[in-house]
Amino acid sequence: MAMSDASRDTTDRIRRVFVRSLHVNLREEDLDYEERLDEVAGLDSLAVIEFVTALEKEFGITMEPELLRLDLVKNLPQLAAYVEKRVARFSGSKPYDS
């Protein structure tokens, strides 16, 4: 299954946020698109919080706590799909408009 341009862009941004927010000792290019992020860097609960916070800032979204499971956060393709859904939802609504 080919990844769409939007998915590739989203995945690239997630990889960049992952490397920068967790200060892992590798380059963004070293993360495979199908990589399980917990296999690259041990994700403890503090690392997950830092990573999620950085993702929310990067994409201008709020992640739903009840859907935030470790298996979602550590799986790059699933996480990219989730982030795209949240971005679409947030861009479609403008809660601060008068």
N, C-alpha and C. Protein backbone atom coordinates (compact mmCIF):
# COMPACT_ATOMS: atom_id res chain seq x y z
N MET A 1 0.85 -1.18 0.00
CA MET A 1 0.00 0.00 0.00
C MET A 1 0.89 1.24 0.00
N ALA A 2 0.70 2.09 -0.97
CA ALA A 2 1.53 3.30 -1.08
C ALA A 2 1.05 4.36 -0.10
N MET A 3 2.01 5.06 0.46
CA MET A 3 1.70 6.13 1.40
C MET A 3 1.41 7.40 0.61
N SER A 4 0.33 8.09 0.96
CA SER A 4 -0.01 9.33 0.27
C SER A 4 0.99 10.41 0.65
N ASP A 5 1.01 11.50 -0.14
CA ASP A 5 1.91 12.61 0.16
C ASP A 5 1.63 13.19 1.54
N ALA A 6 0.36 13.32 1.87
CA ALA A 6 0.00 13.87 3.18
C ALA A 6 0.51 12.96 4.28
N SER A 7 0.36 11.66 4.12
CA SER A 7 0.83 10.72 5.12
C SER A 7 2.35 10.76 5.24
N ARG A 8 3.03 10.89 4.11
CA ARG A 8 4.49 10.96 4.15
C ARG A 8 4.92 12.24 4.87
N ASP A 9 4.27 13.36 4.58
CA ASP A 9 4.59 14.61 5.25
C ASP A 9 4.34 14.49 6.75
N THR A 10 3.19 13.94 7.10
CA THR A 10 2.86 13.76 8.51
C THR A 10 3.87 12.86 9.19
N THR A 11 4.21 11.76 8.55
CA THR A 11 5.18 10.83 9.12
C THR A 11 6.54 11.48 9.27
N ASP A 12 6.95 12.25 8.29
CA ASP A 12 8.24 12.96 8.39
C ASP A 12 8.24 13.91 9.58
N ARG A 13 7.14 14.63 9.77
CA ARG A 13 7.06 15.56 10.88
C ARG A 13 7.06 14.83 12.22
N ILE A 14 6.38 13.70 12.30
CA ILE A 14 6.36 12.90 13.53
C ILE A 14 7.76 12.38 13.84
N ARG A 15 8.45 11.92 12.82
CA ARG A 15 9.82 11.43 13.04
C ARG A 15 10.71 12.55 13.56
N ARG A 16 10.57 13.74 12.99
CA ARG A 16 11.37 14.89 13.42
C ARG A 16 11.05 15.23 14.89
N VAL A 17 9.78 15.26 15.24
CA VAL A 17 9.37 15.56 16.61
C VAL A 17 9.90 14.48 17.56
N PHE A 18 9.82 13.23 17.14
CA PHE A 18 10.30 12.12 17.97
C PHE A 18 11.78 12.29 18.30
N VAL A 19 12.58 12.53 17.28
CA VAL A 19 14.03 12.66 17.48
C VAL A 19 14.35 13.88 18.33
N ARG A 20 13.70 14.99 18.04
CA ARG A 20 14.02 16.23 18.76
C ARG A 20 13.48 16.26 20.19
N SER A 21 12.26 15.79 20.39
CA SER A 21 11.66 15.89 21.73
C SER A 21 12.26 14.88 22.71
N LEU A 22 12.69 13.74 22.21
CA LEU A 22 13.24 12.71 23.09
C LEU A 22 14.76 12.68 23.08
N HIS A 23 15.36 13.53 22.26
CA HIS A 23 16.82 13.63 22.19
C HIS A 23 17.47 12.26 21.97
N VAL A 24 16.86 11.48 21.06
CA VAL A 24 17.44 10.17 20.77
C VAL A 24 18.67 10.36 19.89
N ASN A 25 19.60 9.45 20.02
CA ASN A 25 20.87 9.55 19.34
C ASN A 25 20.80 8.90 17.95
N LEU A 26 19.98 9.47 17.09
CA LEU A 26 19.91 9.03 15.70
C LEU A 26 19.32 10.14 14.87
N ARG A 27 19.43 9.97 13.57
CA ARG A 27 18.90 10.98 12.65
C ARG A 27 17.48 10.61 12.25
N GLU A 28 16.69 11.61 11.89
CA GLU A 28 15.32 11.37 11.46
C GLU A 28 15.28 10.36 10.31
N GLU A 29 16.24 10.45 9.41
CA GLU A 29 16.29 9.58 8.24
C GLU A 29 16.50 8.12 8.64
N ASP A 30 17.01 7.89 9.84
CA ASP A 30 17.28 6.52 10.28
C ASP A 30 16.02 5.79 10.75
N LEU A 31 14.94 6.53 10.96
CA LEU A 31 13.68 5.91 11.37
C LEU A 31 12.93 5.44 10.13
N ASP A 32 12.68 4.17 10.06
CA ASP A 32 11.93 3.58 8.95
C ASP A 32 10.46 4.00 9.07
N TYR A 33 9.76 4.07 7.95
CA TYR A 33 8.35 4.48 7.97
C TYR A 33 7.46 3.48 8.70
N GLU A 34 7.89 2.25 8.79
CA GLU A 34 7.08 1.25 9.47
C GLU A 34 7.61 0.96 10.88
N GLU A 35 8.54 1.74 11.32
CA GLU A 35 9.24 1.52 12.59
C GLU A 35 8.29 1.57 13.78
N ARG A 36 8.55 0.71 14.73
CA ARG A 36 7.87 0.79 16.01
C ARG A 36 8.77 1.64 16.90
N LEU A 37 8.27 2.78 17.31
CA LEU A 37 9.10 3.77 17.99
C LEU A 37 9.67 3.27 19.31
N ASP A 38 8.97 2.34 19.96
CA ASP A 38 9.49 1.81 21.22
C ASP A 38 10.71 0.93 21.00
N GLU A 39 10.89 0.41 19.79
CA GLU A 39 12.06 -0.41 19.50
C GLU A 39 13.29 0.46 19.23
N VAL A 40 13.05 1.71 18.85
CA VAL A 40 14.14 2.65 18.57
C VAL A 40 14.64 3.26 19.87
N ALA A 41 13.72 3.67 20.69
CA ALA A 41 14.07 4.29 21.97
C ALA A 41 13.07 3.80 23.00
N GLY A 42 13.56 3.37 24.13
CA GLY A 42 12.65 2.90 25.18
C GLY A 42 11.71 4.02 25.58
N LEU A 43 10.43 3.80 25.40
CA LEU A 43 9.44 4.82 25.74
C LEU A 43 8.85 4.50 27.11
N ASP A 44 9.29 5.25 28.12
CA ASP A 44 8.63 5.13 29.41
C ASP A 44 7.51 6.16 29.45
N SER A 45 6.77 6.19 30.53
CA SER A 45 5.61 7.09 30.59
C SER A 45 6.00 8.55 30.47
N LEU A 46 7.12 8.96 31.03
CA LEU A 46 7.56 10.35 30.91
C LEU A 46 7.92 10.68 29.46
N ALA A 47 8.61 9.77 28.79
CA ALA A 47 8.97 9.99 27.39
C ALA A 47 7.72 10.09 26.52
N VAL A 48 6.72 9.29 26.80
CA VAL A 48 5.47 9.34 26.04
C VAL A 48 4.80 10.70 26.22
N ILE A 49 4.77 11.20 27.44
CA ILE A 49 4.16 12.51 27.71
C ILE A 49 4.91 13.61 26.97
N GLU A 50 6.23 13.58 27.03
CA GLU A 50 7.03 14.59 26.32
C GLU A 50 6.79 14.52 24.81
N PHE A 51 6.75 13.33 24.28
CA PHE A 51 6.54 13.13 22.85
C PHE A 51 5.14 13.61 22.44
N VAL A 52 4.12 13.24 23.18
CA VAL A 52 2.75 13.65 22.86
C VAL A 52 2.61 15.16 22.94
N THR A 53 3.19 15.78 23.97
CA THR A 53 3.13 17.23 24.11
C THR A 53 3.79 17.91 22.91
N ALA A 54 4.94 17.39 22.49
CA ALA A 54 5.63 17.96 21.33
C ALA A 54 4.81 17.76 20.06
N LEU A 55 4.14 16.62 19.92
CA LEU A 55 3.28 16.38 18.75
C LEU A 55 2.10 17.36 18.73
N GLU A 56 1.50 17.58 19.87
CA GLU A 56 0.37 18.50 19.94
C GLU A 56 0.79 19.90 19.52
N LYS A 57 1.96 20.34 19.95
CA LYS A 57 2.46 21.66 19.55
C LYS A 57 2.76 21.70 18.06
N GLU A 58 3.41 20.68 17.56
CA GLU A 58 3.79 20.63 16.14
C GLU A 58 2.59 20.70 15.22
N PHE A 59 1.53 19.96 15.56
CA PHE A 59 0.38 19.85 14.67
C PHE A 59 -0.79 20.74 15.08
N GLY A 60 -0.69 21.42 16.21
CA GLY A 60 -1.78 22.29 16.66
C GLY A 60 -3.04 21.53 17.01
N ILE A 61 -2.87 20.37 17.63
CA ILE A 61 -4.00 19.52 17.98
C ILE A 61 -3.95 19.19 19.47
N THR A 62 -5.03 18.60 19.94
CA THR A 62 -5.07 18.00 21.27
C THR A 62 -5.42 16.54 21.06
N MET A 63 -4.62 15.68 21.63
CA MET A 63 -4.87 14.25 21.47
C MET A 63 -5.84 13.80 22.55
N GLU A 64 -6.77 12.97 22.18
CA GLU A 64 -7.79 12.49 23.11
C GLU A 64 -7.17 11.52 24.11
N PRO A 65 -7.19 11.86 25.40
CA PRO A 65 -6.55 11.00 26.41
C PRO A 65 -7.08 9.57 26.41
N GLU A 66 -8.39 9.40 26.20
CA GLU A 66 -8.96 8.05 26.25
C GLU A 66 -8.51 7.18 25.07
N LEU A 67 -8.06 7.81 24.00
CA LEU A 67 -7.58 7.04 22.85
C LEU A 67 -6.06 6.92 22.84
N LEU A 68 -5.42 7.58 23.75
CA LEU A 68 -3.96 7.59 23.80
C LEU A 68 -3.46 6.33 24.49
N ARG A 69 -3.14 5.36 23.68
CA ARG A 69 -2.62 4.09 24.20
C ARG A 69 -1.18 3.97 23.75
N LEU A 70 -0.38 3.27 24.54
CA LEU A 70 1.02 3.10 24.19
C LEU A 70 1.17 2.46 22.82
N ASP A 71 0.28 1.51 22.48
CA ASP A 71 0.41 0.86 21.17
C ASP A 71 0.15 1.85 20.03
N LEU A 72 -0.67 2.87 20.24
CA LEU A 72 -0.89 3.90 19.22
C LEU A 72 0.33 4.81 19.11
N VAL A 73 0.84 5.25 20.24
CA VAL A 73 1.95 6.21 20.25
C VAL A 73 3.22 5.60 19.69
N LYS A 74 3.44 4.32 19.90
CA LYS A 74 4.70 3.72 19.47
C LYS A 74 4.67 3.20 18.05
N ASN A 75 3.50 3.15 17.41
CA ASN A 75 3.37 2.62 16.06
C ASN A 75 3.29 3.79 15.08
N LEU A 76 4.35 4.02 14.35
CA LEU A 76 4.46 5.21 13.49
C LEU A 76 3.33 5.31 12.45
N PRO A 77 3.01 4.26 11.68
CA PRO A 77 1.92 4.39 10.71
C PRO A 77 0.57 4.67 11.36
N GLN A 78 0.26 4.00 12.46
CA GLN A 78 -1.01 4.25 13.15
C GLN A 78 -1.06 5.65 13.72
N LEU A 79 0.05 6.08 14.28
CA LEU A 79 0.12 7.42 14.87
C LEU A 79 -0.07 8.48 13.79
N ALA A 80 0.55 8.30 12.64
CA ALA A 80 0.40 9.26 11.54
C ALA A 80 -1.06 9.35 11.10
N ALA A 81 -1.73 8.21 10.99
CA ALA A 81 -3.15 8.21 10.59
C ALA A 81 -3.99 8.92 11.64
N TYR A 82 -3.73 8.67 12.92
CA TYR A 82 -4.47 9.32 14.00
C TYR A 82 -4.25 10.84 13.96
N VAL A 83 -3.00 11.26 13.82
CA VAL A 83 -2.68 12.69 13.80
C VAL A 83 -3.38 13.36 12.62
N GLU A 84 -3.39 12.72 11.46
CA GLU A 84 -4.08 13.32 10.30
C GLU A 84 -5.57 13.49 10.57
N LYS A 85 -6.20 12.52 11.23
CA LYS A 85 -7.62 12.65 11.58
C LYS A 85 -7.84 13.82 12.52
N ARG A 86 -6.96 13.96 13.52
CA ARG A 86 -7.10 15.05 14.48
C ARG A 86 -6.86 16.41 13.80
N VAL A 87 -5.89 16.48 12.92
CA VAL A 87 -5.61 17.73 12.20
C VAL A 87 -6.83 18.11 11.36
N ALA A 88 -7.42 17.14 10.66
CA ALA A 88 -8.60 17.40 9.84
C ALA A 88 -9.75 17.90 10.71
N ARG A 89 -9.91 17.30 11.86
CA ARG A 89 -10.99 17.71 12.76
C ARG A 89 -10.76 19.11 13.30
N PHE A 90 -9.52 19.39 13.71
CA PHE A 90 -9.22 20.71 14.27
C PHE A 90 -9.24 21.79 13.20
N SER A 91 -8.84 21.48 11.99
CA SER A 91 -8.84 22.50 10.93
C SER A 91 -10.26 22.78 10.44
N GLY A 92 -11.16 21.83 10.65
CA GLY A 92 -12.53 22.02 10.23
C GLY A 92 -13.36 22.83 11.21
N SER A 93 -12.89 22.91 12.45
CA SER A 93 -13.63 23.67 13.45
C SER A 93 -12.76 24.83 13.94
N LYS A 94 -13.41 25.93 14.19
CA LYS A 94 -12.70 27.11 14.67
C LYS A 94 -13.36 27.59 15.94
N PRO A 95 -12.98 26.97 17.08
CA PRO A 95 -13.70 27.26 18.33
C PRO A 95 -13.53 28.68 18.83
N TYR A 96 -12.55 29.42 18.37
CA TYR A 96 -12.33 30.76 18.90
C TYR A 96 -12.85 31.85 17.99
N ASP A 97 -13.49 31.47 16.89
CA ASP A 97 -14.07 32.48 16.01
C ASP A 97 -15.32 33.07 16.65
N SER A 98 -15.53 34.35 16.42
CA SER A 98 -16.73 35.00 16.96
C SER A 98 -17.85 34.91 15.97
